[in-house]
Amino acid sequence: MPMATTCRLNRRATDVEEAVELRDEAKRLHQPTPDFRCTDCGKPVRPHRGGGHASAHFEHLERNANCRLSHRAT
């Protein structure tokens, strides 16, 4: 399963650690979640912290079968 560790935010590459911080800060300030986008297909993604069996990564809000970085349903 490919996992993205960078995304696009306002046309610049953003790593997952920074994205988690930005998301959490927006939540604390009651602001909208930043518009994180997949570097491959441009569709919306959300950052996930690492833990348990998975490392930190981005996940598409909706699976995209045409994107090489989107999780494939099994």
N, C-alpha and C. Protein backbone atom coordinates (compact mmCIF):
# COMPACT_ATOMS: atom_id res chain seq x y z
N MET A 1 0.85 -1.18 0.00
CA MET A 1 0.00 0.00 0.00
C MET A 1 0.90 1.24 0.00
N PRO A 2 0.87 2.05 -1.06
CA PRO A 2 1.66 3.26 -1.08
C PRO A 2 1.10 4.30 -0.12
N MET A 3 2.00 5.00 0.55
CA MET A 3 1.56 6.04 1.47
C MET A 3 2.33 7.32 1.18
N ALA A 4 1.59 8.40 1.01
CA ALA A 4 2.19 9.70 0.76
C ALA A 4 2.68 10.31 2.06
N THR A 5 3.85 10.91 2.03
CA THR A 5 4.39 11.59 3.21
C THR A 5 4.52 13.09 2.96
N THR A 6 4.16 13.54 1.77
CA THR A 6 4.11 14.97 1.47
C THR A 6 2.80 15.27 0.76
N CYS A 7 2.38 16.51 0.84
CA CYS A 7 1.19 16.96 0.13
C CYS A 7 1.47 18.35 -0.42
N ARG A 8 0.50 18.93 -1.08
CA ARG A 8 0.58 20.31 -1.54
C ARG A 8 -0.36 21.14 -0.69
N LEU A 9 0.14 22.29 -0.27
CA LEU A 9 -0.67 23.26 0.46
C LEU A 9 -0.29 24.62 -0.10
N ASN A 10 -1.24 25.27 -0.75
CA ASN A 10 -0.96 26.56 -1.38
C ASN A 10 0.24 26.47 -2.33
N ARG A 11 0.26 25.43 -3.14
CA ARG A 11 1.27 25.21 -4.17
C ARG A 11 2.67 24.89 -3.66
N ARG A 12 2.80 24.59 -2.38
CA ARG A 12 4.13 24.22 -1.89
C ARG A 12 4.05 22.86 -1.20
N ALA A 13 5.16 22.14 -1.29
CA ALA A 13 5.22 20.83 -0.65
C ALA A 13 5.22 20.99 0.87
N THR A 14 4.44 20.16 1.52
CA THR A 14 4.32 20.18 2.98
C THR A 14 4.43 18.75 3.48
N ASP A 15 5.31 18.51 4.47
CA ASP A 15 5.43 17.15 4.98
C ASP A 15 4.32 16.87 5.99
N VAL A 16 4.14 15.60 6.28
CA VAL A 16 3.01 15.18 7.11
C VAL A 16 3.10 15.73 8.54
N GLU A 17 4.30 15.86 9.08
CA GLU A 17 4.43 16.39 10.44
C GLU A 17 3.96 17.85 10.51
N GLU A 18 4.37 18.64 9.52
CA GLU A 18 3.93 20.04 9.48
C GLU A 18 2.42 20.13 9.27
N ALA A 19 1.90 19.26 8.40
CA ALA A 19 0.47 19.27 8.11
C ALA A 19 -0.35 18.94 9.36
N VAL A 20 0.12 17.99 10.15
CA VAL A 20 -0.59 17.65 11.39
C VAL A 20 -0.61 18.86 12.32
N GLU A 21 0.52 19.54 12.43
CA GLU A 21 0.58 20.75 13.28
C GLU A 21 -0.37 21.83 12.77
N LEU A 22 -0.39 22.06 11.46
CA LEU A 22 -1.28 23.08 10.89
C LEU A 22 -2.74 22.72 11.10
N ARG A 23 -3.07 21.45 10.92
CA ARG A 23 -4.45 20.99 11.13
C ARG A 23 -4.87 21.19 12.58
N ASP A 24 -3.99 20.79 13.51
CA ASP A 24 -4.30 20.92 14.93
C ASP A 24 -4.42 22.39 15.35
N GLU A 25 -3.57 23.24 14.81
CA GLU A 25 -3.64 24.67 15.12
C GLU A 25 -4.95 25.27 14.61
N ALA A 26 -5.34 24.91 13.39
CA ALA A 26 -6.61 25.40 12.84
C ALA A 26 -7.78 24.96 13.71
N LYS A 27 -7.73 23.73 14.18
CA LYS A 27 -8.80 23.22 15.04
C LYS A 27 -8.86 24.00 16.36
N ARG A 28 -7.68 24.25 16.96
CA ARG A 28 -7.63 25.01 18.22
C ARG A 28 -8.19 26.42 18.05
N LEU A 29 -7.94 27.03 16.89
CA LEU A 29 -8.38 28.40 16.62
C LEU A 29 -9.77 28.46 15.99
N HIS A 30 -10.43 27.30 15.88
CA HIS A 30 -11.77 27.21 15.28
C HIS A 30 -11.77 27.78 13.86
N GLN A 31 -10.74 27.44 13.10
CA GLN A 31 -10.62 27.84 11.70
C GLN A 31 -10.81 26.63 10.81
N PRO A 32 -11.08 26.87 9.53
CA PRO A 32 -11.22 25.73 8.61
C PRO A 32 -9.92 24.93 8.50
N THR A 33 -10.06 23.66 8.25
CA THR A 33 -8.89 22.81 8.02
C THR A 33 -8.19 23.26 6.75
N PRO A 34 -6.86 23.34 6.76
CA PRO A 34 -6.14 23.72 5.54
C PRO A 34 -6.48 22.77 4.38
N ASP A 35 -6.36 23.28 3.17
CA ASP A 35 -6.71 22.53 1.97
C ASP A 35 -5.51 21.71 1.49
N PHE A 36 -5.28 20.57 2.13
CA PHE A 36 -4.19 19.69 1.77
C PHE A 36 -4.58 18.93 0.50
N ARG A 37 -3.64 18.84 -0.47
CA ARG A 37 -3.91 18.17 -1.74
C ARG A 37 -2.85 17.13 -2.06
N CYS A 38 -3.24 16.04 -2.69
CA CYS A 38 -2.34 14.98 -3.10
C CYS A 38 -1.34 15.51 -4.12
N THR A 39 -0.08 15.12 -3.97
CA THR A 39 0.95 15.55 -4.91
C THR A 39 0.82 14.85 -6.25
N ASP A 40 0.11 13.73 -6.31
CA ASP A 40 -0.03 12.97 -7.55
C ASP A 40 -1.27 13.38 -8.35
N CYS A 41 -2.43 13.40 -7.69
CA CYS A 41 -3.68 13.64 -8.42
C CYS A 41 -4.34 14.98 -8.10
N GLY A 42 -3.92 15.65 -7.04
CA GLY A 42 -4.49 16.94 -6.69
C GLY A 42 -5.78 16.88 -5.89
N LYS A 43 -6.24 15.69 -5.55
CA LYS A 43 -7.47 15.54 -4.77
C LYS A 43 -7.18 15.80 -3.28
N PRO A 44 -8.21 16.15 -2.50
CA PRO A 44 -8.02 16.44 -1.07
C PRO A 44 -7.52 15.22 -0.28
N VAL A 45 -6.60 15.49 0.65
CA VAL A 45 -6.07 14.46 1.54
C VAL A 45 -6.09 14.98 2.98
N ARG A 46 -5.97 14.06 3.94
CA ARG A 46 -5.88 14.43 5.35
C ARG A 46 -4.62 13.80 5.93
N PRO A 47 -3.95 14.51 6.83
CA PRO A 47 -2.75 13.95 7.45
C PRO A 47 -3.11 13.03 8.62
N HIS A 48 -2.31 11.99 8.80
CA HIS A 48 -2.47 11.06 9.91
C HIS A 48 -1.14 10.94 10.64
N ARG A 49 -1.20 11.00 11.96
CA ARG A 49 -0.01 10.79 12.79
C ARG A 49 0.43 9.33 12.67
N GLY A 50 1.69 9.10 12.89
CA GLY A 50 2.19 7.74 12.95
C GLY A 50 1.84 7.12 14.29
N GLY A 51 1.76 5.82 14.32
CA GLY A 51 1.48 5.12 15.56
C GLY A 51 1.00 3.71 15.29
N GLY A 52 1.20 2.86 16.24
CA GLY A 52 0.76 1.47 16.05
C GLY A 52 1.53 0.82 14.92
N HIS A 53 0.82 0.37 13.92
CA HIS A 53 1.43 -0.34 12.79
C HIS A 53 1.69 0.55 11.57
N ALA A 54 1.28 1.80 11.61
CA ALA A 54 1.43 2.67 10.44
C ALA A 54 2.28 3.90 10.76
N SER A 55 3.10 4.29 9.81
CA SER A 55 3.87 5.52 9.97
C SER A 55 2.98 6.71 9.56
N ALA A 56 3.42 7.91 9.89
CA ALA A 56 2.66 9.11 9.53
C ALA A 56 2.50 9.17 8.01
N HIS A 57 1.32 9.56 7.56
CA HIS A 57 1.05 9.59 6.12
C HIS A 57 -0.18 10.45 5.83
N PHE A 58 -0.43 10.67 4.55
CA PHE A 58 -1.65 11.33 4.09
C PHE A 58 -2.58 10.29 3.50
N GLU A 59 -3.88 10.53 3.66
CA GLU A 59 -4.90 9.63 3.13
C GLU A 59 -5.91 10.47 2.34
N HIS A 60 -6.31 9.99 1.18
CA HIS A 60 -7.33 10.69 0.39
C HIS A 60 -8.64 10.75 1.16
N LEU A 61 -9.36 11.84 1.03
CA LEU A 61 -10.68 11.92 1.66
C LEU A 61 -11.62 10.92 1.02
N GLU A 62 -11.46 10.72 -0.29
CA GLU A 62 -12.21 9.70 -1.03
C GLU A 62 -11.22 8.91 -1.86
N ARG A 63 -11.33 7.59 -1.83
CA ARG A 63 -10.40 6.77 -2.60
C ARG A 63 -10.44 7.18 -4.07
N ASN A 64 -9.27 7.16 -4.68
CA ASN A 64 -9.13 7.54 -6.08
C ASN A 64 -8.38 6.42 -6.80
N ALA A 65 -9.10 5.58 -7.50
CA ALA A 65 -8.50 4.42 -8.18
C ALA A 65 -7.48 4.85 -9.23
N ASN A 66 -7.53 6.08 -9.69
CA ASN A 66 -6.61 6.55 -10.72
C ASN A 66 -5.34 7.17 -10.15
N CYS A 67 -5.21 7.20 -8.84
CA CYS A 67 -4.03 7.81 -8.19
C CYS A 67 -3.13 6.71 -7.64
N ARG A 68 -1.85 6.80 -7.93
CA ARG A 68 -0.92 5.78 -7.45
C ARG A 68 -0.69 5.88 -5.95
N LEU A 69 -1.09 6.99 -5.31
CA LEU A 69 -0.90 7.16 -3.87
C LEU A 69 -2.17 6.91 -3.05
N SER A 70 -3.26 6.57 -3.72
CA SER A 70 -4.51 6.31 -3.02
C SER A 70 -4.57 4.86 -2.55
N HIS A 71 -5.06 4.66 -1.34
CA HIS A 71 -5.22 3.31 -0.79
C HIS A 71 -6.19 2.53 -1.67
N ARG A 72 -5.84 1.31 -1.97
CA ARG A 72 -6.70 0.44 -2.77
C ARG A 72 -7.59 -0.37 -1.85
N ALA A 73 -8.87 -0.42 -2.15
CA ALA A 73 -9.80 -1.26 -1.39
C ALA A 73 -9.42 -2.71 -1.62
N THR A 74 -9.52 -3.50 -0.56
CA THR A 74 -9.17 -4.94 -0.70
C THR A 74 -10.39 -5.80 -0.63
